[in-house]
Amino acid sequence: MRSNCREDAAQTRRRIAVEAARLIAEHGMRDFHAAKRKAAQRLGLAETAPLPRNAEIDEALREHQRLFQGHSQPAQLRLLREAAIEAMRFFARFEPRLVGAVLEGTADAVSAVCLHLFHDNFGEVIGFLDEHGIPFEQQDREFRFSAELREAFPVLLFSAAGTRVDVSVFPLDGLRRAPLDRNNERPMRRATLEVLLTLVD
């Protein structure tokens, strides 16, 4: 009986993960938690239904892209990685690191190039954008570093040649401690320009 319950729960999580992956890939949803909640609702499941882990959604997303976006997604990913190269060269003085879907390989036409910058004077980053005449929107974003520790850092959003760029700014000591990845609860993977150039090549 317990085995059947576990199998039913696993099948339910799988159904939700597949539908959430479709919502992410086809409708541009980027919040995994919101996507799995909406997926469960669309499947007519109760609010108490077992939800998949973010890693399960990430796996389902990669599978969806292989099956339904096999030609378009790799081409779009390459364009975004090339845009990321230009952005990282532009921000070279701020120790840029690439993070997120463009690095992990799941980016698509609605994805942004996400960078982490590092400088102890946030005003210099603002001044740098102003100096180059780049209009931007400023927000704050909360990052998790452990189960108990959350910290908010400024985020700058702008577009360059039709590509959305999402820049989080950390102090210099942030180079030594990465926030937790939402998919696996491990320190977020961050890539230097040299690593990105290797991926593109």
Protein backbone atom coordinates (compact mmCIF):
# COMPACT_ATOMS: atom_id res chain seq x y z
CA MET A 1 0.00 0.00 0.00
CA ARG A 2 2.77 2.39 0.94
CA SER A 3 4.58 1.53 -2.29
CA ASN A 4 1.48 2.38 -4.33
CA CYS A 5 1.14 5.70 -2.50
CA ARG A 6 4.75 6.55 -3.25
CA GLU A 7 4.26 5.63 -6.91
CA ASP A 8 1.09 7.75 -7.12
CA ALA A 9 2.90 10.70 -5.57
CA ALA A 10 5.84 10.31 -7.95
CA GLN A 11 3.47 10.18 -10.95
CA THR A 12 1.65 13.28 -9.72
CA ARG A 13 4.92 15.16 -9.28
CA ARG A 14 5.97 14.08 -12.77
CA ARG A 15 2.69 15.31 -14.33
CA ILE A 16 3.04 18.67 -12.58
CA ALA A 17 6.71 18.97 -13.58
CA VAL A 18 5.90 18.30 -17.25
CA GLU A 19 3.08 20.86 -17.28
CA ALA A 20 5.20 23.42 -15.40
CA ALA A 21 8.01 22.93 -17.92
CA ARG A 22 5.54 23.59 -20.73
CA LEU A 23 4.37 26.80 -19.05
CA ILE A 24 7.96 27.93 -18.63
CA ALA A 25 9.00 27.07 -22.19
CA GLU A 26 5.90 28.28 -24.02
CA HIS A 27 4.56 31.10 -21.86
CA GLY A 28 7.71 32.64 -20.46
CA MET A 29 7.06 31.90 -16.79
CA ARG A 30 10.31 32.15 -14.86
CA ASP A 31 9.21 31.58 -11.27
CA PHE A 32 9.41 27.81 -10.75
CA HIS A 33 7.19 27.92 -7.66
CA ALA A 34 4.47 29.87 -9.49
CA ALA A 35 4.78 27.54 -12.50
CA LYS A 36 4.26 24.37 -10.47
CA ARG A 37 1.30 25.90 -8.60
CA LYS A 38 -0.32 26.95 -11.88
CA ALA A 39 0.46 23.56 -13.43
CA ALA A 40 -1.26 21.74 -10.55
CA GLN A 41 -4.26 24.02 -10.93
CA ARG A 42 -4.46 23.44 -14.69
CA LEU A 43 -4.32 19.68 -14.11
CA GLY A 44 -7.25 19.93 -11.69
CA LEU A 45 -5.24 18.69 -8.73
CA ALA A 46 -5.95 19.54 -5.12
CA GLU A 47 -3.87 22.17 -3.31
CA THR A 48 -2.46 19.35 -1.18
CA ALA A 49 -1.06 17.52 -4.22
CA PRO A 50 2.66 16.71 -3.90
CA LEU A 51 4.65 19.30 -5.83
CA PRO A 52 7.84 18.45 -7.73
CA ARG A 53 11.20 19.78 -6.63
CA ASN A 54 12.72 22.52 -8.74
CA ALA A 55 15.33 20.06 -10.00
CA GLU A 56 12.52 17.87 -11.38
CA ILE A 57 11.08 20.87 -13.24
CA ASP A 58 14.51 21.73 -14.61
CA GLU A 59 14.87 18.17 -15.90
CA ALA A 60 11.39 18.29 -17.48
CA LEU A 61 12.21 21.65 -19.07
CA ARG A 62 15.34 20.28 -20.71
CA GLU A 63 13.32 17.31 -22.00
CA HIS A 64 10.60 19.62 -23.37
CA GLN A 65 13.19 21.73 -25.17
CA ARG A 66 14.79 18.63 -26.72
CA LEU A 67 11.41 17.34 -27.94
CA PHE A 68 9.63 20.51 -29.03
CA GLN A 69 12.31 23.17 -29.48
CA GLY A 70 15.13 21.07 -30.83
CA HIS A 71 15.98 23.52 -33.62
CA SER A 72 14.97 26.90 -32.24
CA GLN A 73 16.23 26.68 -28.66
CA PRO A 74 19.91 25.87 -29.37
CA ALA A 75 20.08 28.72 -31.89
CA GLN A 76 18.47 31.12 -29.43
CA LEU A 77 20.81 29.96 -26.67
CA ARG A 78 23.84 30.69 -28.84
CA LEU A 79 22.57 34.20 -29.61
CA LEU A 80 22.06 34.87 -25.92
CA ARG A 81 25.51 33.56 -25.03
CA GLU A 82 27.04 35.82 -27.68
CA ALA A 83 25.09 38.73 -26.18
CA ALA A 84 26.40 37.70 -22.76
CA ILE A 85 29.97 37.84 -24.06
CA GLU A 86 29.43 41.43 -25.19
CA ALA A 87 27.81 42.35 -21.87
CA MET A 88 30.65 40.81 -19.86
CA ARG A 89 33.24 42.66 -21.91
CA PHE A 90 31.28 45.85 -21.36
CA PHE A 91 31.22 45.31 -17.58
CA ALA A 92 34.81 43.98 -17.40
CA ARG A 93 35.85 46.43 -14.64
CA PHE A 94 33.17 44.96 -12.33
CA GLU A 95 34.33 41.30 -12.36
CA PRO A 96 31.23 40.01 -14.22
CA ARG A 97 30.00 36.44 -13.81
CA LEU A 98 27.31 34.79 -15.94
CA VAL A 99 24.55 32.94 -14.07
CA GLY A 100 21.18 31.38 -14.78
CA ALA A 101 19.56 29.85 -17.84
CA VAL A 102 22.02 31.26 -20.38
CA LEU A 103 24.87 29.55 -18.54
CA GLU A 104 22.96 26.34 -17.74
CA GLY A 105 21.75 25.91 -21.33
CA THR A 106 17.97 26.22 -20.79
CA ALA A 107 17.59 29.80 -22.05
CA ASP A 108 15.08 30.57 -24.79
CA ALA A 109 13.60 33.53 -26.65
CA VAL A 110 12.13 35.08 -23.49
CA SER A 111 15.21 34.65 -21.31
CA ALA A 112 17.40 37.47 -20.04
CA VAL A 113 21.18 37.51 -19.82
CA CYS A 114 21.76 37.40 -16.06
CA LEU A 115 25.04 38.71 -14.66
CA HIS A 116 26.52 39.16 -11.21
CA LEU A 117 28.78 42.19 -10.83
CA PHE A 118 31.11 42.90 -7.92
CA HIS A 119 32.08 46.32 -6.59
CA ASP A 120 32.08 47.98 -3.18
CA ASN A 121 30.62 51.21 -4.56
CA PHE A 122 27.24 50.59 -6.17
CA GLY A 123 27.15 54.22 -7.29
CA GLU A 124 30.02 53.54 -9.67
CA VAL A 125 27.99 50.91 -11.47
CA ILE A 126 25.10 53.38 -11.79
CA GLY A 127 27.49 56.05 -13.01
CA PHE A 128 28.96 53.67 -15.56
CA LEU A 129 25.54 53.05 -17.11
CA ASP A 130 24.71 56.76 -17.04
CA GLU A 131 28.03 57.57 -18.68
CA HIS A 132 27.13 55.27 -21.57
CA GLY A 133 23.59 56.63 -21.86
CA ILE A 134 21.92 53.34 -20.92
CA PRO A 135 18.46 53.74 -19.35
CA PHE A 136 17.74 51.16 -16.65
CA GLU A 137 15.27 50.10 -14.01
CA GLN A 138 16.50 49.48 -10.48
CA GLN A 139 15.07 46.89 -8.10
CA ASP A 140 16.14 44.93 -5.05
CA ARG A 141 16.30 41.14 -5.06
CA GLU A 142 16.62 38.75 -2.15
CA PHE A 143 19.18 35.94 -2.35
CA ARG A 144 19.46 32.92 -0.06
CA PHE A 145 22.86 31.94 1.30
CA SER A 146 21.65 29.32 3.79
CA ALA A 147 18.41 28.15 5.35
CA GLU A 148 18.66 31.03 7.82
CA LEU A 149 20.42 33.75 5.83
CA ARG A 150 18.80 35.91 3.17
CA GLU A 151 20.19 39.18 1.88
CA ALA A 152 18.87 41.76 -0.59
CA PHE A 153 21.08 43.30 -3.26
CA PRO A 154 20.38 45.89 -5.98
CA VAL A 155 19.45 44.72 -9.47
CA LEU A 156 19.65 46.74 -12.66
CA LEU A 157 17.44 45.85 -15.64
CA PHE A 158 17.92 47.16 -19.16
CA SER A 159 17.85 46.11 -22.80
CA ALA A 160 20.73 46.02 -25.27
CA ALA A 161 20.17 45.32 -28.96
CA GLY A 162 16.85 43.67 -28.16
CA THR A 163 18.24 41.43 -25.40
CA ARG A 164 17.11 41.84 -21.80
CA VAL A 165 20.00 42.14 -19.36
CA ASP A 166 19.53 41.48 -15.64
CA VAL A 167 22.46 42.62 -13.48
CA SER A 168 22.74 41.90 -9.74
CA VAL A 169 25.42 43.92 -7.93
CA PHE A 170 27.31 42.46 -4.96
CA PRO A 171 30.19 43.80 -2.89
CA LEU A 172 33.65 42.50 -3.83
CA ASP A 173 33.65 39.88 -1.08
CA GLY A 174 30.62 38.38 -2.82
CA LEU A 175 33.06 36.74 -5.21
CA ARG A 176 33.91 34.31 -2.43
CA ARG A 177 30.35 33.25 -1.57
CA ALA A 178 27.66 32.51 -4.10
CA PRO A 179 23.95 32.52 -3.29
CA LEU A 180 22.11 29.21 -3.32
CA ASP A 181 20.73 27.93 -6.59
CA ARG A 182 16.95 27.64 -6.50
CA ASN A 183 17.07 24.26 -8.26
CA ASN A 184 19.46 22.28 -6.11
CA GLU A 185 20.12 24.38 -2.99
CA ARG A 186 23.84 24.36 -3.77
CA PRO A 187 25.97 27.48 -4.32
CA MET A 188 24.96 29.03 -7.64
CA ARG A 189 27.16 28.24 -10.60
CA ARG A 190 28.86 31.40 -11.88
CA ALA A 191 31.06 31.60 -14.99
CA THR A 192 33.82 33.99 -15.99
CA LEU A 193 34.11 35.35 -19.51
CA GLU A 194 36.82 32.79 -20.25
CA VAL A 195 34.49 29.92 -19.32
CA LEU A 196 31.70 31.37 -21.44
CA LEU A 197 33.99 31.72 -24.45
CA THR A 198 34.84 28.04 -24.08
CA LEU A 199 31.13 27.13 -24.03
CA VAL A 200 30.45 29.11 -27.18
CA ASP A 201 33.44 27.66 -29.00
